[in-house]
Amino acid sequence: MHFDKLNIGETVDSAATYYVSEQEIIEFAKQWDPQPFHISKKAAQKHQIGKLFASSVHTIAIATKLAHSNSYFEIDAVAGLGIDQLKMLKPVFAGETLSLKIELTDKRLSASNPGKGVITKKLYISNQHGELKMTFLNVSLVNVNNEI
């Protein structure tokens, strides 16, 4: 796929899914987001959500992994430019299997970097029941003269 052939509005589903285990939620949180409701079932039961759930940072990491499971939006990336409009809609619980849909929402040539473009993709993370858990925009600087 070449930059010029990317069409705004195109969507693709991840080629893989991701099972989230209780052990992984706890281990990830212990290292990266050690809040009691992410690392202890007992503490989570006292929290308003009522049970152990994944950190939002963990969910973003899973979405990133799933995004790379499909070669459609594989790009000749130069750099990530940002994550925008992050919406944490529902918590991710142990035992859920997550999937991802990606939508190309914008593309443009870079005004300051000749031969480069900026693409914006919206990522939709859902569980096995189709419940939307998180959405965000991922903005990347890419080479436009190479196959992507």
C-alpha atoms as a PDB file:
ATOM      1  CA  MET A   1       0.000   0.000   0.000  1.00  0.00           C
ATOM      2  CA  HIS A   2       1.307   3.431  -0.939  1.00  0.00           C
ATOM      3  CA  PHE A   3       0.451   6.679   0.892  1.00  0.00           C
ATOM      4  CA  ASP A   4      -1.482   7.966  -2.141  1.00  0.00           C
ATOM      5  CA  LYS A   5      -3.728   4.879  -2.118  1.00  0.00           C
ATOM      6  CA  LEU A   6      -4.807   5.254   1.510  1.00  0.00           C
ATOM      7  CA  ASN A   7      -8.409   6.443   1.606  1.00  0.00           C
ATOM      8  CA  ILE A   8      -9.880   8.400   4.478  1.00  0.00           C
ATOM      9  CA  GLY A   9     -12.718   6.419   6.025  1.00  0.00           C
ATOM     10  CA  GLU A  10     -11.229   2.999   5.276  1.00  0.00           C
ATOM     11  CA  THR A  11     -11.428   0.569   8.171  1.00  0.00           C
ATOM     12  CA  VAL A  12      -9.736  -2.693   8.979  1.00  0.00           C
ATOM     13  CA  ASP A  13     -10.167  -5.150  11.834  1.00  0.00           C
ATOM     14  CA  SER A  14      -7.171  -6.566  13.654  1.00  0.00           C
ATOM     15  CA  ALA A  15      -6.138  -9.976  12.406  1.00  0.00           C
ATOM     16  CA  ALA A  16      -5.745 -11.173  16.002  1.00  0.00           C
ATOM     17  CA  THR A  17      -7.531 -10.930  19.330  1.00  0.00           C
ATOM     18  CA  TYR A  18      -6.020 -10.636  22.791  1.00  0.00           C
ATOM     19  CA  TYR A  19      -7.089 -12.498  25.943  1.00  0.00           C
ATOM     20  CA  VAL A  20      -6.575 -10.492  29.150  1.00  0.00           C
ATOM     21  CA  SER A  21      -5.775 -12.600  32.194  1.00  0.00           C
ATOM     22  CA  GLU A  22      -6.008 -11.614  35.839  1.00  0.00           C
ATOM     23  CA  GLN A  23      -2.319 -12.400  36.334  1.00  0.00           C
ATOM     24  CA  GLU A  24      -1.337 -10.124  33.432  1.00  0.00           C
ATOM     25  CA  ILE A  25      -3.460  -7.247  34.772  1.00  0.00           C
ATOM     26  CA  ILE A  26      -1.741  -7.502  38.146  1.00  0.00           C
ATOM     27  CA  GLU A  27       1.784  -7.918  36.750  1.00  0.00           C
ATOM     28  CA  PHE A  28       1.439  -5.032  34.315  1.00  0.00           C
ATOM     29  CA  ALA A  29       0.001  -2.757  36.989  1.00  0.00           C
ATOM     30  CA  LYS A  30       2.677  -3.641  39.539  1.00  0.00           C
ATOM     31  CA  GLN A  31       5.292  -2.419  37.100  1.00  0.00           C
ATOM     32  CA  TRP A  32       3.536   0.480  35.350  1.00  0.00           C
ATOM     33  CA  ASP A  33       0.427   1.631  37.267  1.00  0.00           C
ATOM     34  CA  PRO A  34       0.487   0.253  40.836  1.00  0.00           C
ATOM     35  CA  GLN A  35      -2.884   1.475  42.006  1.00  0.00           C
ATOM     36  CA  PRO A  36      -4.565  -0.850  44.542  1.00  0.00           C
ATOM     37  CA  PHE A  37      -7.588  -1.614  42.329  1.00  0.00           C
ATOM     38  CA  HIS A  38      -5.249  -2.858  39.559  1.00  0.00           C
ATOM     39  CA  ILE A  39      -3.011  -5.049  41.733  1.00  0.00           C
ATOM     40  CA  SER A  40      -5.318  -6.485  44.397  1.00  0.00           C
ATOM     41  CA  LYS A  41      -8.652  -8.261  43.975  1.00  0.00           C
ATOM     42  CA  LYS A  42      -9.519  -7.385  47.556  1.00  0.00           C
ATOM     43  CA  ALA A  43      -8.802  -3.676  47.083  1.00  0.00           C
ATOM     44  CA  ALA A  44     -10.678  -3.714  43.760  1.00  0.00           C
ATOM     45  CA  GLN A  45     -13.787  -5.113  45.470  1.00  0.00           C
ATOM     46  CA  LYS A  46     -13.825  -2.004  47.688  1.00  0.00           C
ATOM     47  CA  HIS A  47     -13.484   0.321  44.690  1.00  0.00           C
ATOM     48  CA  GLN A  48     -16.632   1.674  42.989  1.00  0.00           C
ATOM     49  CA  ILE A  49     -16.040  -0.567  39.944  1.00  0.00           C
ATOM     50  CA  GLY A  50     -16.120  -3.570  42.276  1.00  0.00           C
ATOM     51  CA  LYS A  51     -13.576  -5.896  40.688  1.00  0.00           C
ATOM     52  CA  LEU A  52     -10.057  -5.995  39.324  1.00  0.00           C
ATOM     53  CA  PHE A  53      -9.625  -4.159  36.017  1.00  0.00           C
ATOM     54  CA  ALA A  54      -6.793  -3.296  33.656  1.00  0.00           C
ATOM     55  CA  SER A  55      -4.962  -0.010  33.699  1.00  0.00           C
ATOM     56  CA  SER A  56      -5.759   2.279  30.768  1.00  0.00           C
ATOM     57  CA  VAL A  57      -2.050   2.243  29.905  1.00  0.00           C
ATOM     58  CA  HIS A  58      -2.271  -1.549  29.676  1.00  0.00           C
ATOM     59  CA  THR A  59      -5.264  -1.294  27.332  1.00  0.00           C
ATOM     60  CA  ILE A  60      -3.374   1.151  25.099  1.00  0.00           C
ATOM     61  CA  ALA A  61      -0.439  -1.302  24.972  1.00  0.00           C
ATOM     62  CA  ILE A  62      -2.773  -4.146  23.956  1.00  0.00           C
ATOM     63  CA  ALA A  63      -4.343  -1.956  21.256  1.00  0.00           C
ATOM     64  CA  THR A  64      -0.878  -1.136  19.921  1.00  0.00           C
ATOM     65  CA  LYS A  65      -0.008  -4.828  19.749  1.00  0.00           C
ATOM     66  CA  LEU A  66      -3.270  -5.629  17.963  1.00  0.00           C
ATOM     67  CA  ALA A  67      -2.707  -2.781  15.493  1.00  0.00           C
ATOM     68  CA  HIS A  68       0.448  -4.541  14.331  1.00  0.00           C
ATOM     69  CA  SER A  69      -1.385  -7.833  13.730  1.00  0.00           C
ATOM     70  CA  ASN A  70      -2.722  -6.566  10.418  1.00  0.00           C
ATOM     71  CA  SER A  71      -0.389  -5.416   7.663  1.00  0.00           C
ATOM     72  CA  TYR A  72      -2.902  -3.074   6.013  1.00  0.00           C
ATOM     73  CA  PHE A  73      -1.825  -0.047   8.008  1.00  0.00           C
ATOM     74  CA  GLU A  74       1.810  -1.132   8.305  1.00  0.00           C
ATOM     75  CA  ILE A  75       3.688   1.988   7.387  1.00  0.00           C
ATOM     76  CA  ASP A  76       7.150   3.279   6.689  1.00  0.00           C
ATOM     77  CA  ALA A  77       6.926   5.226   9.915  1.00  0.00           C
ATOM     78  CA  VAL A  78       9.295   8.004  10.852  1.00  0.00           C
ATOM     79  CA  ALA A  79       7.854   8.814  14.261  1.00  0.00           C
ATOM     80  CA  GLY A  80       4.732   8.731  16.356  1.00  0.00           C
ATOM     81  CA  LEU A  81       3.382  12.244  16.796  1.00  0.00           C
ATOM     82  CA  GLY A  82       0.813  11.630  19.470  1.00  0.00           C
ATOM     83  CA  ILE A  83      -2.253  10.031  20.895  1.00  0.00           C
ATOM     84  CA  ASP A  84      -5.269  12.317  20.930  1.00  0.00           C
ATOM     85  CA  GLN A  85      -8.868  12.167  22.116  1.00  0.00           C
ATOM     86  CA  LEU A  86      -8.325   9.161  24.381  1.00  0.00           C
ATOM     87  CA  LYS A  87     -11.686   7.938  25.685  1.00  0.00           C
ATOM     88  CA  MET A  88     -11.770   5.257  28.371  1.00  0.00           C
ATOM     89  CA  LEU A  89     -15.370   4.158  27.963  1.00  0.00           C
ATOM     90  CA  LYS A  90     -15.533   0.971  30.050  1.00  0.00           C
ATOM     91  CA  PRO A  91     -13.016  -0.947  32.141  1.00  0.00           C
ATOM     92  CA  VAL A  92     -11.274  -4.024  30.768  1.00  0.00           C
ATOM     93  CA  PHE A  93     -11.716  -7.019  33.074  1.00  0.00           C
ATOM     94  CA  ALA A  94      -9.833 -10.289  33.414  1.00  0.00           C
ATOM     95  CA  GLY A  95     -11.247 -12.959  31.137  1.00  0.00           C
ATOM     96  CA  GLU A  96     -12.140 -10.586  28.328  1.00  0.00           C
ATOM     97  CA  THR A  97     -10.863 -11.027  24.791  1.00  0.00           C
ATOM     98  CA  LEU A  98     -10.130  -7.753  23.043  1.00  0.00           C
ATOM     99  CA  SER A  99     -10.222  -6.913  19.360  1.00  0.00           C
ATOM    100  CA  LEU A 100      -9.420  -3.781  17.445  1.00  0.00           C
ATOM    101  CA  LYS A 101     -10.873  -1.844  14.537  1.00  0.00           C
ATOM    102  CA  ILE A 102      -8.766   0.852  12.873  1.00  0.00           C
ATOM    103  CA  GLU A 103     -10.165   3.690  10.778  1.00  0.00           C
ATOM    104  CA  LEU A 104      -8.057   6.072   8.702  1.00  0.00           C
ATOM    105  CA  THR A 105      -9.485   9.474   9.639  1.00  0.00           C
ATOM    106  CA  ASP A 106      -6.981  11.842   8.041  1.00  0.00           C
ATOM    107  CA  LYS A 107      -3.914  12.005   5.841  1.00  0.00           C
ATOM    108  CA  ARG A 108      -1.965  14.970   4.580  1.00  0.00           C
ATOM    109  CA  LEU A 109       1.443  15.869   3.296  1.00  0.00           C
ATOM    110  CA  SER A 110       3.702  17.368   5.915  1.00  0.00           C
ATOM    111  CA  ALA A 111       4.218  21.110   5.464  1.00  0.00           C
ATOM    112  CA  SER A 112       7.567  21.079   7.268  1.00  0.00           C
ATOM    113  CA  ASN A 113       9.044  17.723   6.154  1.00  0.00           C
ATOM    114  CA  PRO A 114       9.270  17.215   2.382  1.00  0.00           C
ATOM    115  CA  GLY A 115       8.587  13.625   1.347  1.00  0.00           C
ATOM    116  CA  LYS A 116       6.699  12.950   4.568  1.00  0.00           C
ATOM    117  CA  GLY A 117       3.033  12.658   5.388  1.00  0.00           C
ATOM    118  CA  VAL A 118       0.908  12.656   8.516  1.00  0.00           C
ATOM    119  CA  ILE A 119      -1.705   9.962   8.950  1.00  0.00           C
ATOM    120  CA  THR A 120      -4.307   9.807  11.677  1.00  0.00           C
ATOM    121  CA  LYS A 121      -5.997   6.543  12.610  1.00  0.00           C
ATOM    122  CA  LYS A 122      -8.824   6.072  15.079  1.00  0.00           C
ATOM    123  CA  LEU A 123      -8.540   2.898  17.128  1.00  0.00           C
ATOM    124  CA  TYR A 124     -11.620   1.205  18.594  1.00  0.00           C
ATOM    125  CA  ILE A 125     -10.974  -1.446  21.282  1.00  0.00           C
ATOM    126  CA  SER A 126     -13.886  -3.815  22.020  1.00  0.00           C
ATOM    127  CA  ASN A 127     -14.391  -7.014  23.972  1.00  0.00           C
ATOM    128  CA  GLN A 128     -15.793 -10.334  22.745  1.00  0.00           C
ATOM    129  CA  HIS A 129     -19.359  -9.073  23.321  1.00  0.00           C
ATOM    130  CA  GLY A 130     -18.850  -6.031  21.113  1.00  0.00           C
ATOM    131  CA  GLU A 131     -18.721  -3.636  24.068  1.00  0.00           C
ATOM    132  CA  LEU A 132     -16.579  -0.647  23.147  1.00  0.00           C
ATOM    133  CA  LYS A 133     -13.927  -0.195  25.829  1.00  0.00           C
ATOM    134  CA  MET A 134     -11.642   2.559  24.528  1.00  0.00           C
ATOM    135  CA  THR A 135     -11.067   4.798  21.537  1.00  0.00           C
ATOM    136  CA  PHE A 136      -8.209   7.100  20.608  1.00  0.00           C
ATOM    137  CA  LEU A 137      -6.534   8.804  17.672  1.00  0.00           C
ATOM    138  CA  ASN A 138      -3.016   7.738  16.749  1.00  0.00           C
ATOM    139  CA  VAL A 139      -1.053  10.277  14.680  1.00  0.00           C
ATOM    140  CA  SER A 140       2.120   9.268  12.808  1.00  0.00           C
ATOM    141  CA  LEU A 141       4.690  10.862  10.538  1.00  0.00           C
ATOM    142  CA  VAL A 142       5.389   8.569   7.569  1.00  0.00           C
ATOM    143  CA  ASN A 143       7.459   8.480   4.418  1.00  0.00           C
ATOM    144  CA  VAL A 144       5.234   9.043   1.382  1.00  0.00           C
ATOM    145  CA  ASN A 145       7.584   7.858  -1.360  1.00  0.00           C
ATOM    146  CA  ASN A 146       7.903   4.288  -0.095  1.00  0.00           C
ATOM    147  CA  GLU A 147       5.467   1.421  -0.207  1.00  0.00           C
ATOM    148  CA  ILE A 148       3.552   1.206   3.051  1.00  0.00           C
END
